Protein backbone atom coordinates (compact mmCIF):
# COMPACT_ATOMS: atom_id res chain seq x y z
CA UNK A 1 102.61 -17.82 -11.10
CA UNK A 2 99.03 -18.69 -11.88
CA UNK A 3 97.00 -16.28 -13.62
CA UNK A 4 93.46 -16.21 -13.59
CA UNK A 5 90.85 -15.96 -16.70
CA UNK A 6 89.30 -12.68 -17.51
CA UNK A 7 85.70 -12.36 -16.30
CA UNK A 8 86.33 -15.43 -13.55
CA UNK A 9 88.21 -13.42 -10.68
CA UNK A 10 85.66 -12.75 -7.69
CA UNK A 11 86.50 -10.07 -5.34
CA UNK A 12 87.16 -11.36 -1.89
CA UNK A 13 84.31 -12.00 0.59
CA UNK A 14 81.98 -13.61 -2.00
CA UNK A 15 80.89 -14.73 -5.40
CA UNK A 16 80.70 -11.72 -7.93
CA UNK A 17 77.56 -10.46 -8.51
CA UNK A 18 75.68 -11.34 -11.55
CA UNK A 19 75.53 -7.65 -13.28
CA UNK A 20 79.47 -7.25 -12.46
CA UNK A 21 80.09 -10.64 -14.26
CA UNK A 22 77.78 -10.16 -17.38
CA UNK A 23 79.84 -6.50 -17.47
CA UNK A 24 83.18 -8.41 -17.09
CA UNK A 25 82.35 -11.32 -19.88
CA UNK A 26 80.88 -8.46 -22.32
CA UNK A 27 84.42 -6.53 -21.91
CA UNK A 28 86.45 -9.71 -22.91
CA UNK A 29 84.32 -10.34 -25.95
CA UNK A 30 84.85 -6.80 -27.02
CA UNK A 31 88.39 -7.32 -26.58
CA UNK A 32 88.76 -10.36 -28.05
CA UNK A 33 86.70 -9.28 -31.10
CA UNK A 34 89.20 -6.38 -31.48
CA UNK A 35 92.38 -8.86 -31.26
CA UNK A 36 90.68 -10.71 -34.13
CA UNK A 37 90.46 -7.44 -36.51
CA UNK A 38 86.25 -7.16 -35.90
CA UNK A 39 85.54 -3.53 -34.88
CA UNK A 40 82.82 -3.04 -32.44
CA UNK A 41 80.94 0.22 -32.28
CA UNK A 42 78.67 0.98 -29.23
CA UNK A 43 75.08 1.55 -29.83
CA UNK A 44 74.54 3.73 -26.96
CA UNK A 45 75.30 4.19 -23.14
CA UNK A 46 73.08 2.22 -21.01
CA UNK A 47 70.86 4.52 -19.03
CA UNK A 48 71.19 2.17 -16.02
CA UNK A 49 74.76 1.02 -15.82
CA UNK A 50 75.96 3.91 -17.81
CA UNK A 51 78.07 1.60 -19.83
CA UNK A 52 78.39 1.24 -23.61
CA UNK A 53 76.04 -1.22 -25.46
CA UNK A 54 77.43 -3.30 -27.59
CA UNK A 55 75.06 -6.11 -28.31
CA UNK A 56 70.89 -5.81 -28.24
CA UNK A 57 69.78 -2.22 -27.22
CA UNK A 58 66.13 -1.23 -25.94
CA UNK A 59 65.39 2.40 -26.71
CA UNK A 60 62.80 3.77 -24.40
CA UNK A 61 61.97 7.13 -22.50
CA UNK A 62 64.52 9.00 -24.82
CA UNK A 63 67.58 6.64 -23.54
CA UNK A 64 69.27 3.50 -24.34
CA UNK A 65 69.33 0.58 -22.44
CA UNK A 66 70.94 -3.16 -22.00
CA UNK A 67 67.65 -5.35 -22.22
CA UNK A 68 68.53 -7.19 -18.67
CA UNK A 69 68.80 -3.46 -17.26
CA UNK A 70 65.67 -1.93 -18.57
CA UNK A 71 63.80 -3.33 -15.56
CA UNK A 72 60.61 -2.21 -13.47
CA UNK A 73 61.70 0.05 -11.07
CA UNK A 74 59.30 -1.43 -8.14
CA UNK A 75 59.63 -5.10 -8.90
CA UNK A 76 63.28 -5.33 -10.94
CA UNK A 77 61.55 -7.90 -13.22
CA UNK A 78 63.21 -7.02 -16.98
CA UNK A 79 60.23 -5.24 -18.85
CA UNK A 80 61.28 -6.64 -22.45
CA UNK A 81 58.47 -5.97 -25.26
CA UNK A 82 56.07 -5.59 -22.57
CA UNK A 83 54.06 -2.25 -22.02
CA UNK A 84 55.25 -0.02 -19.30
CA UNK A 85 54.86 3.41 -17.80
CA UNK A 86 56.99 6.27 -16.98
CA UNK A 87 56.62 8.19 -13.73
CA UNK A 88 59.38 10.77 -12.62
CA UNK A 89 62.05 9.48 -15.21
CA UNK A 90 61.46 5.90 -14.10
CA UNK A 91 59.90 2.86 -15.80
CA UNK A 92 57.28 0.45 -14.01
CA UNK A 93 55.66 -2.47 -15.54
CA UNK A 94 51.77 -2.45 -16.00
CA UNK A 95 50.84 -4.00 -12.92
CA UNK A 96 53.05 -2.12 -10.57
CA UNK A 97 52.44 1.07 -12.11
CA UNK A 98 48.45 0.75 -11.45
CA UNK A 99 49.14 -0.87 -8.22
CA UNK A 100 51.17 2.12 -6.82
CA UNK A 101 49.77 5.12 -8.72
CA UNK A 102 46.37 4.75 -10.20
CA UNK A 103 43.30 6.15 -8.67
CA UNK A 104 41.48 3.43 -6.28
CA UNK A 105 38.02 2.85 -6.25
CA UNK A 106 36.23 3.60 -3.26
CA UNK A 107 33.71 0.48 -3.17
CA UNK A 108 36.21 -2.17 -3.75
CA UNK A 109 39.71 -0.52 -3.38
CA UNK A 110 40.92 -2.05 -6.57
CA UNK A 111 42.96 0.07 -8.92
CA UNK A 112 40.72 1.73 -11.73
CA UNK A 113 42.72 1.18 -15.16
CA UNK A 114 39.88 2.43 -17.63
CA UNK A 115 37.07 4.78 -17.14
CA UNK A 116 36.42 6.39 -13.82
CA UNK A 117 33.74 8.03 -12.08
CA UNK A 118 34.34 10.93 -9.77
CA UNK A 119 31.77 11.79 -7.08
CA UNK A 120 31.41 12.55 -3.40
CA UNK A 121 35.29 13.65 -3.25
CA UNK A 122 36.24 9.64 -4.27
CA UNK A 123 36.94 7.82 -7.38
CA UNK A 124 34.79 4.69 -8.26
CA UNK A 125 34.87 2.00 -11.05
CA UNK A 126 31.47 2.94 -13.28
CA UNK A 127 30.10 -0.70 -12.39
CA UNK A 128 30.72 -0.11 -8.55
CA UNK A 129 29.21 3.11 -8.58
CA UNK A 130 25.30 2.60 -7.52
CA UNK A 131 22.33 3.19 -5.33
CA UNK A 132 23.37 2.41 -1.69
CA UNK A 133 20.19 1.19 -0.88
CA UNK A 134 18.84 -0.55 -4.07
CA UNK A 135 21.78 -1.25 -5.91
CA UNK A 136 20.26 0.34 -9.09
CA UNK A 137 22.84 2.37 -11.19
CA UNK A 138 22.08 5.98 -11.74
CA UNK A 139 20.08 7.24 -14.82
CA UNK A 140 19.63 10.59 -16.41
CA UNK A 141 18.30 12.05 -13.29
CA UNK A 142 21.60 11.56 -11.40
CA UNK A 143 21.77 10.71 -7.44
CA UNK A 144 21.31 12.45 -4.07
CA UNK A 145 23.57 12.19 -1.21
CA UNK A 146 23.00 11.44 2.25
CA UNK A 147 26.10 11.05 4.95
CA UNK A 148 28.53 10.42 2.17
CA UNK A 149 26.30 7.92 0.37
CA UNK A 150 24.70 8.07 -3.20
CA UNK A 151 21.17 7.30 -3.67
CA UNK A 152 18.74 6.94 -6.39
CA UNK A 153 15.94 9.67 -6.47
CA UNK A 154 13.33 7.26 -5.21
CA UNK A 155 15.02 5.98 -2.73
CA UNK A 156 16.31 9.05 -1.58
CA UNK A 157 13.08 10.35 -0.97
CA UNK A 158 11.53 7.55 0.33
CA UNK A 159 14.20 7.20 3.13
CA UNK A 160 14.83 10.88 3.72
CA UNK A 161 12.38 13.15 2.53
CA UNK A 162 9.28 14.22 4.94
CA UNK A 163 6.24 12.03 4.94
CA UNK A 164 2.68 12.97 4.36
CA UNK A 165 0.47 12.68 7.38
CA UNK A 166 -2.35 11.30 5.10
CA UNK A 167 -0.61 8.61 3.16
CA UNK A 168 2.69 8.25 4.55
CA UNK A 169 4.39 8.45 1.24
CA UNK A 170 7.42 10.98 0.60
CA UNK A 171 6.58 14.73 -0.16
CA UNK A 172 8.43 15.69 -3.08
CA UNK A 173 6.92 19.35 -4.04
CA UNK A 174 3.92 21.26 -2.65
CA UNK A 175 2.64 20.38 0.68
CA UNK A 176 0.36 21.51 3.32
CA UNK A 177 1.58 22.14 7.01
CA UNK A 178 -0.98 21.28 9.80
CA UNK A 179 -1.49 19.64 12.82
CA UNK A 180 2.43 19.38 13.39
CA UNK A 181 2.78 17.57 10.19
CA UNK A 182 3.13 17.76 6.37
CA UNK A 183 0.56 16.63 3.78
CA UNK A 184 0.11 16.49 0.08
CA UNK A 185 -2.51 18.79 -0.77
CA UNK A 186 -4.70 16.39 -2.08
CA UNK A 187 -4.38 14.30 0.91
CA UNK A 188 -5.43 16.96 3.52
CA UNK A 189 -8.98 15.96 3.38
CA UNK A 190 -11.37 14.92 5.97
CA UNK A 191 -10.34 11.23 6.99
CA UNK A 192 -13.89 10.24 7.48
CA UNK A 193 -15.64 11.25 3.74
CA UNK A 194 -12.23 12.57 2.15
CA UNK A 195 -13.86 15.72 1.41
CA UNK A 196 -11.60 18.79 0.76
CA UNK A 197 -11.97 21.55 3.37
CA UNK A 198 -13.38 24.66 2.41
CA UNK A 199 -11.13 27.62 2.59
CA UNK A 200 -8.88 25.50 4.54
CA UNK A 201 -11.48 25.14 7.39
CA UNK A 202 -11.14 22.15 9.26
CA UNK A 203 -11.82 20.34 12.89
CA UNK A 204 -9.01 18.34 14.57
CA UNK A 205 -9.54 15.34 16.67
CA UNK A 206 -6.94 12.82 17.86
CA UNK A 207 -4.64 14.26 15.67
CA UNK A 208 -6.73 13.85 12.33
CA UNK A 209 -8.55 16.55 10.47
CA UNK A 210 -12.23 16.03 10.19
CA UNK A 211 -15.16 18.23 8.38
CA UNK A 212 -17.52 19.64 10.83
CA UNK A 213 -20.12 16.63 10.46
CA UNK A 214 -17.70 14.06 10.98
CA UNK A 215 -15.79 15.91 13.76
CA UNK A 216 -18.96 15.86 16.16
CA UNK A 217 -19.90 12.60 14.71
CA UNK A 218 -16.45 11.32 16.23
CA UNK A 219 -17.24 13.54 19.45
CA UNK A 220 -20.62 12.25 19.66
CA UNK A 221 -22.16 15.57 19.34
CA UNK A 222 -24.40 15.25 16.62
CA UNK A 223 -28.06 15.69 17.05
CA UNK A 224 -29.74 12.38 16.92
CA UNK A 225 -32.81 14.18 15.03
CA UNK A 226 -31.33 16.04 12.33
CA UNK A 227 -27.91 14.59 12.28
CA UNK A 228 -26.42 17.85 12.12
CA UNK A 229 -23.51 19.30 14.85
CA UNK A 230 -24.80 20.55 18.17
CA UNK A 231 -22.78 23.94 19.17
CA UNK A 232 -25.26 25.26 21.90
CA UNK A 233 -27.83 23.73 23.91
CA UNK A 234 -28.18 20.03 24.12
CA UNK A 235 -30.46 17.65 25.52
CA UNK A 236 -29.56 14.02 26.19
CA UNK A 237 -31.62 11.44 26.59
CA UNK A 238 -32.02 7.59 25.65
CA UNK A 239 -28.05 7.88 25.46
CA UNK A 240 -28.24 10.00 22.70
CA UNK A 241 -27.89 13.80 22.03
CA UNK A 242 -30.31 16.14 20.67
CA UNK A 243 -30.97 19.97 19.81
CA UNK A 244 -33.77 21.04 22.25
CA UNK A 245 -36.05 21.79 19.31
CA UNK A 246 -35.41 18.23 17.74
CA UNK A 247 -36.28 16.36 20.71
CA UNK A 248 -39.86 15.79 19.86
CA UNK A 249 -42.68 12.74 20.35
CA UNK A 250 -42.09 10.51 17.68
CA UNK A 251 -46.12 10.28 16.72
CA UNK A 252 -47.43 13.83 17.19
CA UNK A 253 -44.04 15.69 16.99
CA UNK A 254 -44.32 17.99 19.90
CA UNK A 255 -41.34 19.11 21.75
CA UNK A 256 -40.38 17.43 24.70
CA UNK A 257 -38.91 18.13 27.81
CA UNK A 258 -36.28 15.72 29.31
CA UNK A 259 -38.18 14.59 32.07
CA UNK A 260 -41.73 14.37 30.66
CA UNK A 261 -41.23 11.63 27.94
CA UNK A 262 -41.80 7.91 27.32
CA UNK A 263 -39.60 5.58 25.51
CA UNK A 264 -40.92 2.77 23.29
CA UNK A 265 -38.36 0.89 20.92
CA UNK A 266 -35.88 3.65 21.17
CA UNK A 267 -38.38 6.45 20.42
CA UNK A 268 -39.49 9.07 22.31
CA UNK A 269 -42.95 10.15 22.80
CA UNK A 270 -45.28 12.22 24.98
CA UNK A 271 -47.30 11.06 27.99
CA UNK A 272 -50.77 11.20 25.41
CA UNK A 273 -49.27 9.32 22.59
CA UNK A 274 -47.65 6.61 24.56
CA UNK A 275 -50.97 6.14 26.33
CA UNK A 276 -52.96 5.86 22.94
CA UNK A 277 -50.60 3.75 21.10
CA UNK A 278 -49.28 1.32 23.73
CA UNK A 279 -51.92 1.33 26.32
């Protein structure tokens, strides 16, 4: 009757599994050594296959392993002398551990292996946490958040802070509210002469603030004689406006009536002075 060699038999239905074949070979080796009088002492029980370890041994995570059985739980590659990580009592190679369990950078979606920035309820590589507008890294002043994005102070206020009605730049601190808009205090001045308003009193024309003189100038209501605003009675002559007391003969300075003057070189004259000077 033919006898099979130890470790060479195969179960019906297919070739032996590599692990089973190796275990059989180790068992045969130990048996042969015992027959030769060489005592073999187990170095522990393998944490994976639960069988005695007679040769090389790996000690890790408080257990002993056959080197070929100390493998990454995810990729099943032998760990050997490489670095590994433990999670829930299972070993993982460095690559798979970071891929499976390390925090992910919100910007690049890659695993974060070293320093991490936690902001906006997310995690980031330090080099990937920067202003969403200009790309600059944040200094000691930190960042400002809008719609889930981080911005440096300058860009945040340039983009989202209310704008001054005078200079159109962002308003960061004190402001004046007037004419349905906001103003830097130093920008709320007459739009013509840039003079600040006394006691906050100003005149509005086309949505802009003016001092009294330039308000009337814009409206065409300055007296052509004294260059001061006309707020009461007014005489219109020669396409100009005058206080009644300032509509006078250019030569004798006698007060004129609208219908009783003569015009010469864009100046008004009484009847007598006109005849003396030009006739």
